[in-house]
């Protein structure tokens, strides 16, 4: 196993559209990350040159449902069941990879109260998620302007 080729994907923090973008980036079958998330995985460990996962970290409330005990919540693919405890610990210490998942993003310069310039990234997926969860009244003026500008283009 080539440790430098292993990535950790923290799938619980991404929505389904973002997971599809990650699948594209990693040349994975569309929807595969979504399936892992729906099955209760919170993190996945993937060896980049392999067509299958090493294993996944399962949600705490699901860990008892497996036929054999999970090592610190880690469920291993049978191809990796030979890993030693030390190797499993090394795997669990891998930091999640950050993925750029913004397909429709636009960068706007915003002047903060301190009159320092910073960049704010607005993306359609995040705004639509916010509308879905909290309604249109939850949007900021910038988010409304972003949607208005996007509808005109």
C-alpha atoms as a PDB file:
ATOM      1  CA  UNK A   1       0.000   0.000   0.000  1.00  0.00           C
ATOM      2  CA  UNK A   2       1.380   3.373  -1.031  1.00  0.00           C
ATOM      3  CA  UNK A   3       0.635   5.724   1.894  1.00  0.00           C
ATOM      4  CA  UNK A   4       1.306   8.853  -0.170  1.00  0.00           C
ATOM      5  CA  UNK A   5      -1.568   7.869  -2.501  1.00  0.00           C
ATOM      6  CA  UNK A   6      -4.163   7.628   0.255  1.00  0.00           C
ATOM      7  CA  UNK A   7      -6.693  10.388   0.662  1.00  0.00           C
ATOM      8  CA  UNK A   8      -9.355  10.915   3.268  1.00  0.00           C
ATOM      9  CA  UNK A   9     -12.725  12.268   2.141  1.00  0.00           C
ATOM     10  CA  UNK A  10     -14.899  13.724   4.888  1.00  0.00           C
ATOM     11  CA  UNK A  11     -18.148  12.970   3.083  1.00  0.00           C
ATOM     12  CA  UNK A  12     -20.441  14.100   5.903  1.00  0.00           C
ATOM     13  CA  UNK A  13     -19.577  17.761   5.230  1.00  0.00           C
ATOM     14  CA  UNK A  14     -20.579  17.766   1.558  1.00  0.00           C
ATOM     15  CA  UNK A  15     -24.037  17.826  -0.008  1.00  0.00           C
ATOM     16  CA  UNK A  16     -24.957  15.434  -2.825  1.00  0.00           C
ATOM     17  CA  UNK A  17     -24.065  17.849  -5.633  1.00  0.00           C
ATOM     18  CA  UNK A  18     -20.674  18.502  -4.078  1.00  0.00           C
ATOM     19  CA  UNK A  19     -20.068  14.759  -3.709  1.00  0.00           C
ATOM     20  CA  UNK A  20     -20.786  14.363  -7.438  1.00  0.00           C
ATOM     21  CA  UNK A  21     -18.200  17.059  -8.217  1.00  0.00           C
ATOM     22  CA  UNK A  22     -15.653  15.190  -6.071  1.00  0.00           C
ATOM     23  CA  UNK A  23     -16.505  11.962  -7.945  1.00  0.00           C
ATOM     24  CA  UNK A  24     -15.706  13.786 -11.207  1.00  0.00           C
ATOM     25  CA  UNK A  25     -12.412  15.059  -9.822  1.00  0.00           C
ATOM     26  CA  UNK A  26     -11.351  11.583  -8.679  1.00  0.00           C
ATOM     27  CA  UNK A  27     -12.713   9.764 -11.755  1.00  0.00           C
ATOM     28  CA  UNK A  28     -15.110   7.776  -9.604  1.00  0.00           C
ATOM     29  CA  UNK A  29     -18.447   6.369 -10.655  1.00  0.00           C
ATOM     30  CA  UNK A  30     -21.101   9.115 -10.218  1.00  0.00           C
ATOM     31  CA  UNK A  31     -23.109   8.689  -7.021  1.00  0.00           C
ATOM     32  CA  UNK A  32     -20.683   6.331  -5.278  1.00  0.00           C
ATOM     33  CA  UNK A  33     -19.759   8.836  -2.546  1.00  0.00           C
ATOM     34  CA  UNK A  34     -23.433   9.625  -1.980  1.00  0.00           C
ATOM     35  CA  UNK A  35     -24.096   5.895  -1.465  1.00  0.00           C
ATOM     36  CA  UNK A  36     -21.376   5.684   1.179  1.00  0.00           C
ATOM     37  CA  UNK A  37     -22.776   8.747   2.947  1.00  0.00           C
ATOM     38  CA  UNK A  38     -26.292   7.285   2.909  1.00  0.00           C
ATOM     39  CA  UNK A  39     -24.967   4.007   4.348  1.00  0.00           C
ATOM     40  CA  UNK A  40     -23.665   5.851   7.409  1.00  0.00           C
ATOM     41  CA  UNK A  41     -20.046   6.575   6.515  1.00  0.00           C
ATOM     42  CA  UNK A  42     -18.672   9.889   7.715  1.00  0.00           C
ATOM     43  CA  UNK A  43     -15.177   9.553   6.219  1.00  0.00           C
ATOM     44  CA  UNK A  44     -13.723   7.419   3.456  1.00  0.00           C
ATOM     45  CA  UNK A  45     -10.147   6.383   2.887  1.00  0.00           C
ATOM     46  CA  UNK A  46      -9.217   5.895  -0.749  1.00  0.00           C
ATOM     47  CA  UNK A  47      -6.041   4.770  -2.447  1.00  0.00           C
ATOM     48  CA  UNK A  48      -5.966   6.967  -5.570  1.00  0.00           C
ATOM     49  CA  UNK A  49      -4.896   4.297  -8.054  1.00  0.00           C
ATOM     50  CA  UNK A  50      -7.425   1.689  -6.859  1.00  0.00           C
ATOM     51  CA  UNK A  51     -11.061   1.375  -7.973  1.00  0.00           C
ATOM     52  CA  UNK A  52     -12.324   0.696  -4.430  1.00  0.00           C
ATOM     53  CA  UNK A  53     -12.173   2.234  -0.971  1.00  0.00           C
ATOM     54  CA  UNK A  54      -9.822   1.090   1.758  1.00  0.00           C
ATOM     55  CA  UNK A  55     -12.527   1.636   4.310  1.00  0.00           C
ATOM     56  CA  UNK A  56     -14.801   4.094   5.978  1.00  0.00           C
ATOM     57  CA  UNK A  57     -15.469   5.565   9.365  1.00  0.00           C
ATOM     58  CA  UNK A  58     -19.033   4.798  10.426  1.00  0.00           C
ATOM     59  CA  UNK A  59     -21.403   6.933  12.482  1.00  0.00           C
ATOM     60  CA  UNK A  60     -21.276   6.016  16.165  1.00  0.00           C
ATOM     61  CA  UNK A  61     -24.888   4.813  16.325  1.00  0.00           C
ATOM     62  CA  UNK A  62     -24.259   2.311  13.483  1.00  0.00           C
ATOM     63  CA  UNK A  63     -21.043   0.781  14.789  1.00  0.00           C
ATOM     64  CA  UNK A  64     -22.745  -1.897  16.896  1.00  0.00           C
ATOM     65  CA  UNK A  65     -24.707  -3.281  13.922  1.00  0.00           C
ATOM     66  CA  UNK A  66     -21.726  -4.919  12.234  1.00  0.00           C
ATOM     67  CA  UNK A  67     -21.071  -8.645  12.617  1.00  0.00           C
ATOM     68  CA  UNK A  68     -17.493  -8.076  13.740  1.00  0.00           C
ATOM     69  CA  UNK A  69     -16.334  -5.216  15.976  1.00  0.00           C
ATOM     70  CA  UNK A  70     -15.015  -2.148  14.204  1.00  0.00           C
ATOM     71  CA  UNK A  71     -11.613  -0.772  15.158  1.00  0.00           C
ATOM     72  CA  UNK A  72     -12.349   2.779  16.382  1.00  0.00           C
ATOM     73  CA  UNK A  73     -15.350   2.853  14.035  1.00  0.00           C
ATOM     74  CA  UNK A  74     -13.282   1.893  10.978  1.00  0.00           C
ATOM     75  CA  UNK A  75     -14.929  -0.516   8.560  1.00  0.00           C
ATOM     76  CA  UNK A  76     -12.340  -2.015   6.184  1.00  0.00           C
ATOM     77  CA  UNK A  77     -12.802  -3.339   2.676  1.00  0.00           C
ATOM     78  CA  UNK A  78     -11.907  -7.058   2.642  1.00  0.00           C
ATOM     79  CA  UNK A  79      -8.895  -6.227   0.427  1.00  0.00           C
ATOM     80  CA  UNK A  80      -7.437  -4.364   3.435  1.00  0.00           C
ATOM     81  CA  UNK A  81      -8.492  -6.641   6.284  1.00  0.00           C
ATOM     82  CA  UNK A  82      -4.820  -7.612   6.747  1.00  0.00           C
ATOM     83  CA  UNK A  83      -3.901  -4.144   8.085  1.00  0.00           C
ATOM     84  CA  UNK A  84      -2.221  -4.168  11.467  1.00  0.00           C
ATOM     85  CA  UNK A  85      -3.450  -2.050  14.368  1.00  0.00           C
ATOM     86  CA  UNK A  86      -0.528   0.330  13.761  1.00  0.00           C
ATOM     87  CA  UNK A  87      -1.499   0.702  10.086  1.00  0.00           C
ATOM     88  CA  UNK A  88      -5.143   1.290  11.017  1.00  0.00           C
ATOM     89  CA  UNK A  89      -4.061   4.024  13.432  1.00  0.00           C
ATOM     90  CA  UNK A  90      -1.916   5.570  10.695  1.00  0.00           C
ATOM     91  CA  UNK A  91      -4.902   5.495   8.343  1.00  0.00           C
ATOM     92  CA  UNK A  92      -7.166   7.160  10.907  1.00  0.00           C
ATOM     93  CA  UNK A  93      -4.620   9.970  11.366  1.00  0.00           C
ATOM     94  CA  UNK A  94      -4.770  11.021   7.710  1.00  0.00           C
ATOM     95  CA  UNK A  95      -6.256  14.505   7.498  1.00  0.00           C
ATOM     96  CA  UNK A  96      -9.241  14.989   5.186  1.00  0.00           C
ATOM     97  CA  UNK A  97      -8.474  16.368   1.742  1.00  0.00           C
ATOM     98  CA  UNK A  98     -10.149  19.685   0.933  1.00  0.00           C
ATOM     99  CA  UNK A  99     -11.963  19.647  -2.405  1.00  0.00           C
ATOM    100  CA  UNK A 100     -13.007  22.588  -4.569  1.00  0.00           C
ATOM    101  CA  UNK A 101     -16.674  21.815  -5.103  1.00  0.00           C
ATOM    102  CA  UNK A 102     -17.988  25.165  -6.287  1.00  0.00           C
ATOM    103  CA  UNK A 103     -19.252  24.795  -9.847  1.00  0.00           C
ATOM    104  CA  UNK A 104     -21.116  28.097 -10.110  1.00  0.00           C
ATOM    105  CA  UNK A 105     -19.004  30.439  -8.041  1.00  0.00           C
ATOM    106  CA  UNK A 106     -18.386  34.130  -8.314  1.00  0.00           C
ATOM    107  CA  UNK A 107     -15.881  36.103  -6.271  1.00  0.00           C
ATOM    108  CA  UNK A 108     -16.974  39.481  -4.987  1.00  0.00           C
ATOM    109  CA  UNK A 109     -14.853  42.006  -3.143  1.00  0.00           C
ATOM    110  CA  UNK A 110     -16.443  43.046   0.110  1.00  0.00           C
ATOM    111  CA  UNK A 111     -15.298  45.931   2.278  1.00  0.00           C
ATOM    112  CA  UNK A 112     -15.407  44.921   5.943  1.00  0.00           C
ATOM    113  CA  UNK A 113     -16.131  47.313   8.809  1.00  0.00           C
ATOM    114  CA  UNK A 114     -12.390  47.633   9.366  1.00  0.00           C
ATOM    115  CA  UNK A 115     -12.163  48.838   5.746  1.00  0.00           C
ATOM    116  CA  UNK A 116      -9.979  45.891   4.867  1.00  0.00           C
ATOM    117  CA  UNK A 117     -10.788  44.063   1.700  1.00  0.00           C
ATOM    118  CA  UNK A 118     -11.542  40.381   1.829  1.00  0.00           C
ATOM    119  CA  UNK A 119     -12.987  37.941  -0.662  1.00  0.00           C
ATOM    120  CA  UNK A 120     -16.345  36.279  -0.279  1.00  0.00           C
ATOM    121  CA  UNK A 121     -17.151  33.250  -2.433  1.00  0.00           C
ATOM    122  CA  UNK A 122     -20.805  32.934  -3.351  1.00  0.00           C
ATOM    123  CA  UNK A 123     -21.987  29.767  -5.010  1.00  0.00           C
ATOM    124  CA  UNK A 124     -25.367  28.662  -6.223  1.00  0.00           C
ATOM    125  CA  UNK A 125     -25.406  25.329  -4.357  1.00  0.00           C
ATOM    126  CA  UNK A 126     -24.791  26.934  -0.961  1.00  0.00           C
ATOM    127  CA  UNK A 127     -27.411  29.618  -1.546  1.00  0.00           C
ATOM    128  CA  UNK A 128     -30.007  27.060  -2.671  1.00  0.00           C
ATOM    129  CA  UNK A 129     -29.246  24.927   0.389  1.00  0.00           C
ATOM    130  CA  UNK A 130     -29.749  27.986   2.598  1.00  0.00           C
ATOM    131  CA  UNK A 131     -33.082  28.819   0.904  1.00  0.00           C
ATOM    132  CA  UNK A 132     -34.222  25.223   1.297  1.00  0.00           C
ATOM    133  CA  UNK A 133     -33.356  25.149   4.982  1.00  0.00           C
ATOM    134  CA  UNK A 134     -34.198  28.703   6.135  1.00  0.00           C
ATOM    135  CA  UNK A 135     -36.277  30.342   3.368  1.00  0.00           C
ATOM    136  CA  UNK A 136     -35.715  33.346   1.096  1.00  0.00           C
ATOM    137  CA  UNK A 137     -35.770  35.830   3.974  1.00  0.00           C
ATOM    138  CA  UNK A 138     -32.539  34.330   5.310  1.00  0.00           C
ATOM    139  CA  UNK A 139     -30.507  35.578   2.325  1.00  0.00           C
ATOM    140  CA  UNK A 140     -28.173  38.545   2.623  1.00  0.00           C
ATOM    141  CA  UNK A 141     -28.294  41.426   0.149  1.00  0.00           C
ATOM    142  CA  UNK A 142     -25.157  40.071  -1.527  1.00  0.00           C
ATOM    143  CA  UNK A 143     -26.694  36.625  -1.942  1.00  0.00           C
ATOM    144  CA  UNK A 144     -29.873  38.132  -3.444  1.00  0.00           C
ATOM    145  CA  UNK A 145     -27.773  40.270  -5.800  1.00  0.00           C
ATOM    146  CA  UNK A 146     -25.742  37.207  -6.794  1.00  0.00           C
ATOM    147  CA  UNK A 147     -28.939  35.285  -7.684  1.00  0.00           C
ATOM    148  CA  UNK A 148     -30.335  38.301  -9.548  1.00  0.00           C
ATOM    149  CA  UNK A 149     -27.102  38.722 -11.537  1.00  0.00           C
ATOM    150  CA  UNK A 150     -26.968  35.003 -12.266  1.00  0.00           C
ATOM    151  CA  UNK A 151     -30.549  34.982 -13.578  1.00  0.00           C
ATOM    152  CA  UNK A 152     -29.696  37.792 -16.023  1.00  0.00           C
ATOM    153  CA  UNK A 153     -26.673  36.023 -17.489  1.00  0.00           C
END
